Amino acid sequence: MDARFVPEDELDQLIADSTVILIPYKRFFQSGIAIRALEHAVPVVGRSETSLGDLFGPESRLLVSGQNGSAGDVEGWLKAIEFAVSDGRAEASRAAESFHRQAARDWARLAAPRNPLD
């Protein structure tokens, strides 16, 4: 944890050097940290009811869900962190590939020529 402002080039290196990134908040404004972590196959641990559920899938073992997502659920958070340390890079890599494929499909659909009569 670092409470200071981190310059952009240093932030990128800190993310790449991380074993896991923890985002324990119920509500957080998408800062791009989770996406940037995926770019480096760095696992992110957080709540499944947030945008992290869309990135990793709600069943991901990196995510803590429902009542188990409460701050008092130390065991649930520890399990997710332990999974992140042991197998999280593989899951982050799969999530990154899936996110990339979906983004490519969405962009292709957006860029596809449209029939003006449709």
N, C-alpha and C. Protein backbone atom coordinates (compact mmCIF):
# COMPACT_ATOMS: atom_id res chain seq x y z
N MET A 1 0.85 -1.16 0.00
CA MET A 1 0.00 0.00 0.00
C MET A 1 0.90 1.23 0.00
N ASP A 2 0.52 2.17 -0.83
CA ASP A 2 1.32 3.38 -0.98
C ASP A 2 0.36 4.55 -1.11
N ALA A 3 0.34 5.45 -0.14
CA ALA A 3 -0.62 6.54 -0.12
C ALA A 3 -0.20 7.74 -0.96
N ARG A 4 0.95 7.69 -1.56
CA ARG A 4 1.41 8.83 -2.35
C ARG A 4 0.91 8.73 -3.79
N PHE A 5 0.97 9.83 -4.51
CA PHE A 5 0.69 9.81 -5.94
C PHE A 5 1.85 9.10 -6.62
N VAL A 6 1.53 8.14 -7.46
CA VAL A 6 2.55 7.37 -8.15
C VAL A 6 2.55 7.80 -9.62
N PRO A 7 3.68 8.26 -10.12
CA PRO A 7 3.76 8.65 -11.52
C PRO A 7 3.43 7.48 -12.45
N GLU A 8 2.91 7.80 -13.62
CA GLU A 8 2.44 6.79 -14.57
C GLU A 8 3.47 5.71 -14.89
N ASP A 9 4.69 6.08 -15.20
CA ASP A 9 5.69 5.07 -15.55
C ASP A 9 6.03 4.17 -14.37
N GLU A 10 6.02 4.72 -13.18
CA GLU A 10 6.29 3.92 -11.98
C GLU A 10 5.10 3.01 -11.68
N LEU A 11 3.90 3.50 -11.88
CA LEU A 11 2.70 2.71 -11.64
C LEU A 11 2.69 1.46 -12.51
N ASP A 12 3.03 1.61 -13.76
CA ASP A 12 3.06 0.47 -14.66
C ASP A 12 4.05 -0.59 -14.16
N GLN A 13 5.20 -0.17 -13.68
CA GLN A 13 6.19 -1.11 -13.16
C GLN A 13 5.71 -1.75 -11.86
N LEU A 14 5.07 -0.99 -10.99
CA LEU A 14 4.54 -1.54 -9.74
C LEU A 14 3.49 -2.62 -10.02
N ILE A 15 2.63 -2.37 -10.99
CA ILE A 15 1.62 -3.36 -11.36
C ILE A 15 2.30 -4.62 -11.88
N ALA A 16 3.22 -4.46 -12.80
CA ALA A 16 3.91 -5.61 -13.39
C ALA A 16 4.66 -6.42 -12.35
N ASP A 17 5.19 -5.78 -11.33
CA ASP A 17 5.97 -6.46 -10.30
C ASP A 17 5.11 -7.07 -9.19
N SER A 18 3.82 -6.81 -9.21
CA SER A 18 2.93 -7.29 -8.15
C SER A 18 2.64 -8.77 -8.29
N THR A 19 2.48 -9.42 -7.15
CA THR A 19 2.04 -10.82 -7.13
C THR A 19 0.53 -10.88 -7.24
N VAL A 20 -0.14 -9.97 -6.57
CA VAL A 20 -1.59 -9.87 -6.58
C VAL A 20 -1.97 -8.43 -6.24
N ILE A 21 -3.10 -7.99 -6.79
CA ILE A 21 -3.63 -6.67 -6.46
C ILE A 21 -4.96 -6.88 -5.77
N LEU A 22 -5.13 -6.28 -4.62
CA LEU A 22 -6.33 -6.41 -3.81
C LEU A 22 -7.18 -5.16 -3.95
N ILE A 23 -8.44 -5.35 -4.36
CA ILE A 23 -9.41 -4.25 -4.44
C ILE A 23 -10.60 -4.65 -3.57
N PRO A 24 -10.60 -4.27 -2.30
CA PRO A 24 -11.61 -4.76 -1.37
C PRO A 24 -12.92 -3.96 -1.33
N TYR A 25 -13.07 -2.99 -2.18
CA TYR A 25 -14.19 -2.06 -2.07
C TYR A 25 -15.49 -2.59 -2.68
N LYS A 26 -16.62 -2.19 -2.09
CA LYS A 26 -17.93 -2.49 -2.65
C LYS A 26 -18.17 -1.63 -3.88
N ARG A 27 -17.80 -0.38 -3.75
CA ARG A 27 -17.97 0.57 -4.85
C ARG A 27 -16.64 1.24 -5.10
N PHE A 28 -16.23 1.19 -6.32
CA PHE A 28 -15.01 1.90 -6.68
C PHE A 28 -15.17 2.36 -8.11
N PHE A 29 -14.61 3.49 -8.36
CA PHE A 29 -14.66 4.01 -9.72
C PHE A 29 -13.55 3.33 -10.49
N GLN A 30 -13.91 2.83 -11.65
CA GLN A 30 -12.94 2.08 -12.45
C GLN A 30 -11.73 2.94 -12.75
N SER A 31 -10.65 2.63 -12.11
CA SER A 31 -9.42 3.40 -12.29
C SER A 31 -8.55 2.81 -13.39
N GLY A 32 -8.95 1.67 -13.89
CA GLY A 32 -8.15 1.01 -14.91
C GLY A 32 -7.11 0.07 -14.33
N ILE A 33 -6.98 0.02 -13.02
CA ILE A 33 -5.96 -0.84 -12.41
C ILE A 33 -6.22 -2.31 -12.74
N ALA A 34 -7.47 -2.74 -12.67
CA ALA A 34 -7.76 -4.15 -12.95
C ALA A 34 -7.43 -4.51 -14.39
N ILE A 35 -7.78 -3.65 -15.33
CA ILE A 35 -7.46 -3.91 -16.74
C ILE A 35 -5.94 -3.91 -16.94
N ARG A 36 -5.28 -2.95 -16.33
CA ARG A 36 -3.82 -2.88 -16.46
C ARG A 36 -3.17 -4.11 -15.84
N ALA A 37 -3.74 -4.60 -14.74
CA ALA A 37 -3.22 -5.82 -14.13
C ALA A 37 -3.37 -7.00 -15.09
N LEU A 38 -4.52 -7.09 -15.76
CA LEU A 38 -4.72 -8.18 -16.72
C LEU A 38 -3.70 -8.12 -17.85
N GLU A 39 -3.33 -6.92 -18.26
CA GLU A 39 -2.33 -6.78 -19.32
C GLU A 39 -1.00 -7.43 -18.93
N HIS A 40 -0.75 -7.53 -17.63
CA HIS A 40 0.48 -8.13 -17.12
C HIS A 40 0.24 -9.52 -16.52
N ALA A 41 -0.98 -10.04 -16.68
CA ALA A 41 -1.38 -11.33 -16.09
C ALA A 41 -1.20 -11.33 -14.58
N VAL A 42 -1.45 -10.19 -13.96
CA VAL A 42 -1.39 -10.07 -12.50
C VAL A 42 -2.81 -10.28 -11.97
N PRO A 43 -3.01 -11.26 -11.08
CA PRO A 43 -4.34 -11.50 -10.55
C PRO A 43 -4.84 -10.37 -9.67
N VAL A 44 -6.14 -10.16 -9.72
CA VAL A 44 -6.80 -9.14 -8.91
C VAL A 44 -7.80 -9.86 -8.01
N VAL A 45 -7.76 -9.58 -6.72
CA VAL A 45 -8.71 -10.13 -5.77
C VAL A 45 -9.66 -9.02 -5.36
N GLY A 46 -10.96 -9.33 -5.40
CA GLY A 46 -11.96 -8.34 -5.02
C GLY A 46 -13.33 -8.99 -4.93
N ARG A 47 -14.34 -8.15 -4.94
CA ARG A 47 -15.73 -8.62 -4.81
C ARG A 47 -16.31 -8.95 -6.17
N SER A 48 -17.06 -10.05 -6.23
CA SER A 48 -17.62 -10.48 -7.51
C SER A 48 -18.76 -9.59 -7.98
N GLU A 49 -19.37 -8.84 -7.09
CA GLU A 49 -20.51 -7.99 -7.45
C GLU A 49 -20.07 -6.66 -8.06
N THR A 50 -18.81 -6.51 -8.35
CA THR A 50 -18.29 -5.29 -8.95
C THR A 50 -17.94 -5.57 -10.41
N SER A 51 -17.32 -4.62 -11.06
CA SER A 51 -16.88 -4.82 -12.44
C SER A 51 -15.86 -5.96 -12.55
N LEU A 52 -15.27 -6.36 -11.45
CA LEU A 52 -14.34 -7.49 -11.46
C LEU A 52 -15.05 -8.78 -11.85
N GLY A 53 -16.32 -8.89 -11.49
CA GLY A 53 -17.10 -10.06 -11.89
C GLY A 53 -17.24 -10.17 -13.40
N ASP A 54 -17.34 -9.01 -14.07
CA ASP A 54 -17.40 -9.00 -15.53
C ASP A 54 -16.06 -9.40 -16.14
N LEU A 55 -14.98 -9.00 -15.51
CA LEU A 55 -13.65 -9.30 -16.05
C LEU A 55 -13.27 -10.77 -15.86
N PHE A 56 -13.50 -11.28 -14.67
CA PHE A 56 -13.05 -12.63 -14.34
C PHE A 56 -14.15 -13.68 -14.38
N GLY A 57 -15.38 -13.24 -14.40
CA GLY A 57 -16.51 -14.16 -14.28
C GLY A 57 -16.88 -14.29 -12.83
N PRO A 58 -18.18 -14.30 -12.54
CA PRO A 58 -18.62 -14.28 -11.13
C PRO A 58 -18.21 -15.50 -10.32
N GLU A 59 -17.85 -16.58 -10.99
CA GLU A 59 -17.46 -17.80 -10.29
C GLU A 59 -15.95 -17.89 -10.04
N SER A 60 -15.23 -16.88 -10.44
CA SER A 60 -13.77 -16.90 -10.29
C SER A 60 -13.37 -17.06 -8.82
N ARG A 61 -12.37 -17.88 -8.59
CA ARG A 61 -11.87 -18.07 -7.23
C ARG A 61 -11.05 -16.87 -6.76
N LEU A 62 -10.80 -15.92 -7.65
CA LEU A 62 -10.14 -14.68 -7.27
C LEU A 62 -11.11 -13.71 -6.59
N LEU A 63 -12.40 -13.99 -6.73
CA LEU A 63 -13.41 -13.06 -6.24
C LEU A 63 -14.16 -13.63 -5.04
N VAL A 64 -14.54 -12.74 -4.17
CA VAL A 64 -15.31 -13.08 -2.97
C VAL A 64 -16.72 -12.56 -3.23
N SER A 65 -17.72 -13.41 -3.00
CA SER A 65 -19.08 -13.02 -3.39
C SER A 65 -20.07 -13.01 -2.24
N GLY A 66 -21.19 -12.32 -2.50
CA GLY A 66 -22.33 -12.29 -1.59
C GLY A 66 -21.95 -11.90 -0.17
N GLN A 67 -22.57 -12.58 0.78
CA GLN A 67 -22.28 -12.33 2.19
C GLN A 67 -20.81 -12.58 2.48
N ASN A 68 -20.21 -13.51 1.72
CA ASN A 68 -18.80 -13.81 1.92
C ASN A 68 -17.90 -12.66 1.53
N GLY A 69 -18.46 -11.70 0.79
CA GLY A 69 -17.67 -10.56 0.36
C GLY A 69 -17.54 -9.48 1.41
N SER A 70 -18.19 -9.68 2.55
CA SER A 70 -18.11 -8.66 3.60
C SER A 70 -16.70 -8.56 4.15
N ALA A 71 -16.40 -7.39 4.66
CA ALA A 71 -15.05 -7.15 5.20
C ALA A 71 -14.75 -8.10 6.36
N GLY A 72 -15.79 -8.59 7.03
CA GLY A 72 -15.59 -9.49 8.16
C GLY A 72 -15.29 -10.92 7.76
N ASP A 73 -15.41 -11.24 6.48
CA ASP A 73 -15.17 -12.61 6.01
C ASP A 73 -13.69 -12.81 5.72
N VAL A 74 -12.91 -12.85 6.76
CA VAL A 74 -11.47 -12.98 6.62
C VAL A 74 -11.10 -14.26 5.88
N GLU A 75 -11.77 -15.36 6.20
CA GLU A 75 -11.45 -16.64 5.57
C GLU A 75 -11.68 -16.60 4.06
N GLY A 76 -12.79 -16.01 3.61
CA GLY A 76 -13.07 -15.90 2.18
C GLY A 76 -12.02 -15.09 1.46
N TRP A 77 -11.63 -13.98 2.06
CA TRP A 77 -10.60 -13.14 1.45
C TRP A 77 -9.25 -13.84 1.42
N LEU A 78 -8.92 -14.54 2.51
CA LEU A 78 -7.65 -15.27 2.55
C LEU A 78 -7.59 -16.37 1.50
N LYS A 79 -8.71 -17.09 1.31
CA LYS A 79 -8.75 -18.13 0.29
C LYS A 79 -8.53 -17.54 -1.10
N ALA A 80 -9.16 -16.41 -1.37
CA ALA A 80 -9.01 -15.78 -2.68
C ALA A 80 -7.56 -15.31 -2.88
N ILE A 81 -6.97 -14.75 -1.85
CA ILE A 81 -5.58 -14.29 -1.95
C ILE A 81 -4.64 -15.47 -2.12
N GLU A 82 -4.86 -16.54 -1.36
CA GLU A 82 -4.01 -17.73 -1.51
C GLU A 82 -4.12 -18.31 -2.91
N PHE A 83 -5.33 -18.35 -3.46
CA PHE A 83 -5.51 -18.82 -4.83
C PHE A 83 -4.77 -17.92 -5.81
N ALA A 84 -4.87 -16.61 -5.59
CA ALA A 84 -4.20 -15.65 -6.46
C ALA A 84 -2.70 -15.88 -6.48
N VAL A 85 -2.13 -16.12 -5.31
CA VAL A 85 -0.68 -16.32 -5.21
C VAL A 85 -0.28 -17.64 -5.88
N SER A 86 -1.08 -18.69 -5.71
CA SER A 86 -0.70 -20.00 -6.24
C SER A 86 -1.06 -20.19 -7.72
N ASP A 87 -2.27 -19.82 -8.11
CA ASP A 87 -2.75 -20.09 -9.47
C ASP A 87 -3.34 -18.88 -10.17
N GLY A 88 -3.23 -17.73 -9.57
CA GLY A 88 -3.91 -16.54 -10.08
C GLY A 88 -3.39 -16.04 -11.41
N ARG A 89 -2.10 -16.20 -11.68
CA ARG A 89 -1.56 -15.70 -12.96
C ARG A 89 -2.19 -16.42 -14.14
N ALA A 90 -2.40 -17.71 -14.01
CA ALA A 90 -3.02 -18.48 -15.09
C ALA A 90 -4.46 -17.99 -15.31
N GLU A 91 -5.19 -17.79 -14.23
CA GLU A 91 -6.56 -17.30 -14.37
C GLU A 91 -6.60 -15.88 -14.92
N ALA A 92 -5.68 -15.04 -14.48
CA ALA A 92 -5.62 -13.67 -15.01
C ALA A 92 -5.29 -13.69 -16.49
N SER A 93 -4.42 -14.56 -16.90
CA SER A 93 -4.06 -14.69 -18.31
C SER A 93 -5.27 -15.14 -19.13
N ARG A 94 -6.01 -16.12 -18.64
CA ARG A 94 -7.23 -16.57 -19.34
C ARG A 94 -8.26 -15.45 -19.41
N ALA A 95 -8.42 -14.72 -18.32
CA ALA A 95 -9.38 -13.61 -18.31
C ALA A 95 -8.97 -12.53 -19.30
N ALA A 96 -7.68 -12.26 -19.39
CA ALA A 96 -7.19 -11.25 -20.34
C ALA A 96 -7.47 -11.69 -21.77
N GLU A 97 -7.21 -12.95 -22.07
CA GLU A 97 -7.48 -13.47 -23.42
C GLU A 97 -8.97 -13.38 -23.74
N SER A 98 -9.81 -13.76 -22.80
CA SER A 98 -11.25 -13.71 -23.00
C SER A 98 -11.73 -12.27 -23.19
N PHE A 99 -11.23 -11.36 -22.38
CA PHE A 99 -11.59 -9.95 -22.49
C PHE A 99 -11.15 -9.40 -23.85
N HIS A 100 -9.95 -9.77 -24.29
CA HIS A 100 -9.45 -9.31 -25.59
C HIS A 100 -10.32 -9.83 -26.73
N ARG A 101 -10.68 -11.12 -26.69
CA ARG A 101 -11.54 -11.69 -27.73
C ARG A 101 -12.88 -10.98 -27.78
N GLN A 102 -13.48 -10.74 -26.60
CA GLN A 102 -14.78 -10.08 -26.56
C GLN A 102 -14.68 -8.65 -27.08
N ALA A 103 -13.64 -7.94 -26.70
CA ALA A 103 -13.45 -6.57 -27.19
C ALA A 103 -13.28 -6.56 -28.70
N ALA A 104 -12.52 -7.50 -29.24
CA ALA A 104 -12.32 -7.58 -30.69
C ALA A 104 -13.65 -7.86 -31.40
N ARG A 105 -14.47 -8.78 -30.85
CA ARG A 105 -15.79 -9.06 -31.44
C ARG A 105 -16.67 -7.82 -31.40
N ASP A 106 -16.67 -7.13 -30.26
CA ASP A 106 -17.50 -5.92 -30.13
C ASP A 106 -17.07 -4.83 -31.10
N TRP A 107 -15.76 -4.62 -31.24
CA TRP A 107 -15.27 -3.61 -32.19
C TRP A 107 -15.60 -4.01 -33.63
N ALA A 108 -15.46 -5.28 -33.96
CA ALA A 108 -15.79 -5.75 -35.31
C ALA A 108 -17.27 -5.53 -35.61
N ARG A 109 -18.12 -5.82 -34.65
CA ARG A 109 -19.56 -5.61 -34.82
C ARG A 109 -19.86 -4.12 -35.00
N LEU A 110 -19.18 -3.28 -34.23
CA LEU A 110 -19.39 -1.84 -34.33
C LEU A 110 -18.91 -1.30 -35.68
N ALA A 111 -17.81 -1.84 -36.18
CA ALA A 111 -17.23 -1.34 -37.43
C ALA A 111 -17.85 -1.96 -38.67
N ALA A 112 -18.66 -2.99 -38.51
CA ALA A 112 -19.26 -3.68 -39.67
C ALA A 112 -20.17 -2.72 -40.44
N PRO A 113 -20.10 -2.80 -41.76
CA PRO A 113 -20.98 -1.95 -42.57
C PRO A 113 -22.45 -2.32 -42.28
N ARG A 114 -23.26 -1.32 -42.26
CA ARG A 114 -24.68 -1.55 -41.96
C ARG A 114 -25.51 -1.24 -43.20
N ASN A 115 -26.52 -2.01 -43.38
CA ASN A 115 -27.45 -1.80 -44.48
C ASN A 115 -28.40 -0.68 -44.05
N PRO A 116 -28.45 0.43 -44.77
CA PRO A 116 -29.31 1.54 -44.37
C PRO A 116 -30.79 1.19 -44.40
N LEU A 117 -31.16 0.08 -45.03
CA LEU A 117 -32.56 -0.32 -45.08
C LEU A 117 -32.96 -1.16 -43.88
N ASP A 118 -31.97 -1.57 -43.07
CA ASP A 118 -32.28 -2.41 -41.89
C ASP A 118 -32.84 -1.59 -40.77
